[in-house]
Amino acid sequence: MALAIVGAGFGRTGTLSLKFALEKLGFEKCYHMMEVHQHPEHADVWSRAFRKERVDWDALFTGYRAAVDWPSCNWWREHAAYYPESKVILSTRDPDRWYESVRNTIYASTRDAMASADPAVRARGQWAHDLIWQGVFDGRMDDKAHVIAVLKRHEAAVKAAIPQHRLLVFEAASGWAPLCEFLGVDVPDVPYPRVNTTEDFLARTSVSARPAR
């Protein structure tokens, strides 16, 4: 089963809500970072991709129709080329709000994991650090201007590489209409999902709302 949807947006751009939305629209299942948490063996596959080793994408995405969020968004270009019939969704949000959200949720969670007394938790934290915080942002997460510049370069690269007819630049606040029009499906009679806000994230984790250092 080939991916029909390639998600190019970074984490904390409404990707979990988008996952649930796509699954509601029939694009089940949708790959997301939570899949790595549920299938720890996937981490090694992404590490091989990070080392530029050959990866069997069809094997990794068996049973999935879509992929959003980290780590898969780091390979949006490869996935868009490998699945030429797929459509690409670039989820986005206000850069300043995005930065604060990332810094106070998933980045803080990684830092906490790397300081854990549990070796398995530390390993997961190191994996996320290597692939995302170091691999994408050069280990400079405290440098807001740098991080936002990386985000903007990423989004510009997606827009430049993907033909307009194949790309949707999407903000969750826009709701169902642009997403359904792009995918050629009917608008559901339920509200667009709104999950995994900063408040939701902090409520279900041990990460405090302190500024990251």
Protein backbone atom coordinates (compact mmCIF):
# COMPACT_ATOMS: atom_id res chain seq x y z
CA MET A 1 0.00 0.00 0.00
CA ALA A 2 1.58 3.28 -1.12
CA LEU A 3 1.40 6.49 0.87
CA ALA A 4 -1.32 8.75 -0.50
CA ILE A 5 -0.41 11.67 1.75
CA VAL A 6 3.08 12.96 2.58
CA GLY A 7 3.14 15.37 5.51
CA ALA A 8 5.94 17.92 5.19
CA GLY A 9 5.16 20.09 8.22
CA PHE A 10 7.36 20.07 11.32
CA GLY A 11 6.03 18.78 14.63
CA ARG A 12 3.83 21.15 16.67
CA THR A 13 2.14 22.51 13.54
CA GLY A 14 -1.08 20.66 14.32
CA THR A 15 0.25 17.32 13.13
CA LEU A 16 -1.61 15.11 15.62
CA SER A 17 -4.88 16.85 14.82
CA LEU A 18 -4.05 16.38 11.13
CA LYS A 19 -3.38 12.68 11.72
CA PHE A 20 -6.82 12.23 13.27
CA ALA A 21 -8.42 14.35 10.54
CA LEU A 22 -6.86 12.30 7.75
CA GLU A 23 -7.91 9.06 9.40
CA LYS A 24 -11.45 10.41 9.73
CA LEU A 25 -11.39 11.13 5.99
CA GLY A 26 -10.43 7.54 5.21
CA PHE A 27 -6.64 7.79 5.02
CA GLU A 28 -5.98 5.13 7.62
CA LYS A 29 -3.59 4.65 9.15
CA CYS A 30 -1.60 7.85 9.40
CA TYR A 31 2.00 7.60 10.60
CA HIS A 32 3.06 10.04 13.34
CA MET A 33 5.79 10.19 16.00
CA MET A 34 3.43 8.30 18.29
CA GLU A 35 3.93 5.29 15.99
CA VAL A 36 7.63 5.26 16.92
CA HIS A 37 6.64 5.25 20.59
CA GLN A 38 4.31 2.32 19.94
CA HIS A 39 6.80 0.49 17.70
CA PRO A 40 10.27 1.10 19.18
CA GLU A 41 11.85 -1.01 16.44
CA HIS A 42 10.99 1.78 13.99
CA ALA A 43 13.55 4.05 15.64
CA ASP A 44 16.37 2.03 14.11
CA VAL A 45 14.86 2.41 10.65
CA TRP A 46 14.79 6.19 11.01
CA SER A 47 18.33 6.15 12.37
CA ARG A 48 19.45 4.29 9.25
CA ALA A 49 17.74 6.90 7.10
CA PHE A 50 19.50 9.61 9.12
CA ARG A 51 22.83 7.94 8.36
CA LYS A 52 21.82 7.97 4.68
CA GLU A 53 21.60 4.19 4.53
CA ARG A 54 19.05 2.49 2.30
CA VAL A 55 15.59 2.16 3.86
CA ASP A 56 12.68 0.05 2.64
CA TRP A 57 9.94 2.66 2.88
CA ASP A 58 7.27 0.23 1.72
CA ALA A 59 8.09 -2.10 4.60
CA LEU A 60 8.08 0.72 7.15
CA PHE A 61 4.79 2.15 5.92
CA THR A 62 2.97 -1.17 5.52
CA GLY A 63 -0.65 -0.52 6.49
CA TYR A 64 -0.31 3.27 6.37
CA ARG A 65 -1.93 5.64 3.86
CA ALA A 66 -0.40 8.86 5.19
CA ALA A 67 2.58 10.10 7.20
CA VAL A 68 2.88 13.36 9.13
CA ASP A 69 5.04 14.86 11.89
CA TRP A 70 8.59 14.04 12.83
CA PRO A 71 10.50 11.96 12.00
CA SER A 72 8.90 11.37 8.60
CA CYS A 73 8.67 15.05 7.67
CA ASN A 74 12.49 15.16 7.59
CA TRP A 75 12.26 12.92 4.51
CA TRP A 76 9.38 14.68 2.76
CA ARG A 77 11.40 15.10 -0.42
CA GLU A 78 12.34 11.42 -0.59
CA HIS A 79 8.79 10.30 0.18
CA ALA A 80 7.24 12.65 -2.38
CA ALA A 81 9.59 11.24 -5.01
CA TYR A 82 9.19 7.61 -3.95
CA TYR A 83 5.39 7.89 -3.93
CA PRO A 84 4.84 10.05 -7.05
CA GLU A 85 1.04 9.80 -6.90
CA SER A 86 0.93 11.13 -3.34
CA LYS A 87 -0.24 14.58 -2.33
CA VAL A 88 1.84 16.73 0.01
CA ILE A 89 0.46 18.65 2.98
CA LEU A 90 2.62 21.34 4.55
CA SER A 91 1.10 22.03 7.95
CA THR A 92 2.13 25.39 9.34
CA ARG A 93 1.39 27.94 12.06
CA ASP A 94 2.59 31.29 13.37
CA PRO A 95 6.39 30.88 13.77
CA ASP A 96 6.65 32.58 17.17
CA ARG A 97 3.84 30.51 18.67
CA TRP A 98 5.27 27.40 17.06
CA TYR A 99 8.70 28.01 18.60
CA GLU A 100 7.30 28.51 22.10
CA SER A 101 5.16 25.39 21.73
CA VAL A 102 8.08 23.24 20.58
CA ARG A 103 10.39 24.56 23.25
CA ASN A 104 7.97 24.00 26.11
CA THR A 105 6.65 20.59 25.03
CA ILE A 106 8.52 18.12 22.85
CA TYR A 107 11.95 19.72 23.22
CA ALA A 108 11.57 19.95 27.00
CA SER A 109 10.35 16.35 27.03
CA THR A 110 13.47 15.23 25.16
CA ARG A 111 15.70 17.04 27.65
CA ASP A 112 13.90 15.39 30.54
CA ALA A 113 14.22 11.99 28.88
CA MET A 114 17.95 12.42 28.37
CA ALA A 115 18.31 13.09 32.11
CA SER A 116 16.27 10.03 33.11
CA ALA A 117 17.70 7.31 35.34
CA ASP A 118 16.07 4.75 33.03
CA PRO A 119 18.53 3.75 30.24
CA ALA A 120 15.70 3.00 27.80
CA VAL A 121 14.15 6.43 28.35
CA ARG A 122 17.56 8.07 27.98
CA ALA A 123 18.11 6.22 24.70
CA ARG A 124 14.78 7.45 23.32
CA GLY A 125 15.67 10.98 24.32
CA GLN A 126 19.08 10.72 22.66
CA TRP A 127 17.47 9.38 19.50
CA ALA A 128 15.10 12.36 19.29
CA HIS A 129 17.95 14.74 20.05
CA ASP A 130 20.11 13.30 17.28
CA LEU A 131 17.41 13.19 14.59
CA ILE A 132 15.59 16.42 15.37
CA TRP A 133 17.20 18.90 17.72
CA GLN A 134 20.73 18.30 16.49
CA GLY A 135 19.95 16.95 13.03
CA VAL A 136 17.50 19.67 12.02
CA PHE A 137 18.32 22.62 14.26
CA ASP A 138 22.07 22.12 14.81
CA GLY A 139 21.62 21.83 18.57
CA ARG A 140 20.68 25.51 18.78
CA MET A 141 17.17 25.30 20.19
CA ASP A 142 17.77 28.22 22.54
CA ASP A 143 18.46 30.47 19.55
CA LYS A 144 14.95 31.47 18.56
CA ALA A 145 15.99 33.39 15.46
CA HIS A 146 17.98 30.42 14.18
CA VAL A 147 15.21 27.90 14.84
CA ILE A 148 12.58 30.03 13.12
CA ALA A 149 14.94 30.60 10.19
CA VAL A 150 15.29 26.82 9.83
CA LEU A 151 11.49 26.49 9.86
CA LYS A 152 11.09 29.16 7.19
CA ARG A 153 13.79 27.65 4.96
CA HIS A 154 12.12 24.26 5.29
CA GLU A 155 8.72 25.61 4.33
CA ALA A 156 10.18 27.58 1.42
CA ALA A 157 11.95 24.46 0.14
CA VAL A 158 8.71 22.46 0.19
CA LYS A 159 6.82 25.19 -1.67
CA ALA A 160 9.57 25.46 -4.26
CA ALA A 161 9.88 21.72 -4.88
CA ILE A 162 6.27 20.53 -4.95
CA PRO A 163 3.99 21.59 -7.84
CA GLN A 164 1.07 23.73 -6.72
CA HIS A 165 -1.54 21.19 -7.79
CA ARG A 166 0.07 18.59 -5.55
CA LEU A 167 0.63 20.76 -2.45
CA LEU A 168 -1.65 22.07 0.29
CA VAL A 169 -0.25 24.63 2.73
CA PHE A 170 -2.54 24.06 5.68
CA GLU A 171 -3.26 25.68 9.03
CA ALA A 172 -5.39 23.71 11.46
CA ALA A 173 -7.44 26.83 12.19
CA SER A 174 -8.75 26.64 8.61
CA GLY A 175 -10.69 23.51 9.50
CA TRP A 176 -12.05 20.88 7.16
CA ALA A 177 -12.87 22.92 4.04
CA PRO A 178 -9.44 23.40 2.40
CA LEU A 179 -8.29 19.92 3.40
CA CYS A 180 -11.37 18.19 2.01
CA GLU A 181 -11.32 20.24 -1.19
CA PHE A 182 -7.66 19.34 -1.73
CA LEU A 183 -8.30 15.64 -1.15
CA GLY A 184 -11.56 15.55 -3.08
CA VAL A 185 -13.67 14.23 -0.21
CA ASP A 186 -16.81 15.40 1.57
CA VAL A 187 -16.61 17.55 4.68
CA PRO A 188 -17.52 15.48 7.78
CA ASP A 189 -20.36 16.63 10.01
CA VAL A 190 -18.09 16.79 13.06
CA PRO A 191 -15.70 19.54 14.20
CA TYR A 192 -12.13 19.45 12.93
CA PRO A 193 -9.96 17.69 15.56
CA ARG A 194 -8.15 19.90 18.04
CA VAL A 195 -5.83 17.77 20.11
CA ASN A 196 -2.36 17.87 21.65
CA THR A 197 -2.37 21.56 22.53
CA THR A 198 0.41 22.69 24.84
CA GLU A 199 -2.04 22.37 27.73
CA ASP A 200 -2.96 18.83 26.64
CA PHE A 201 0.70 17.87 26.33
CA LEU A 202 1.67 19.21 29.75
CA ALA A 203 -1.37 17.62 31.38
CA ARG A 204 -0.42 14.12 30.27
CA THR A 205 3.35 14.34 30.78
CA SER A 206 5.70 15.20 33.60
CA VAL A 207 7.15 18.12 31.65
CA SER A 208 6.63 21.36 33.52
CA ALA A 209 5.71 24.58 31.79
CA ARG A 210 9.06 26.12 32.63
CA PRO A 211 11.04 27.78 29.84
CA ALA A 212 13.59 25.43 28.29
CA ARG A 213 17.22 26.26 28.99
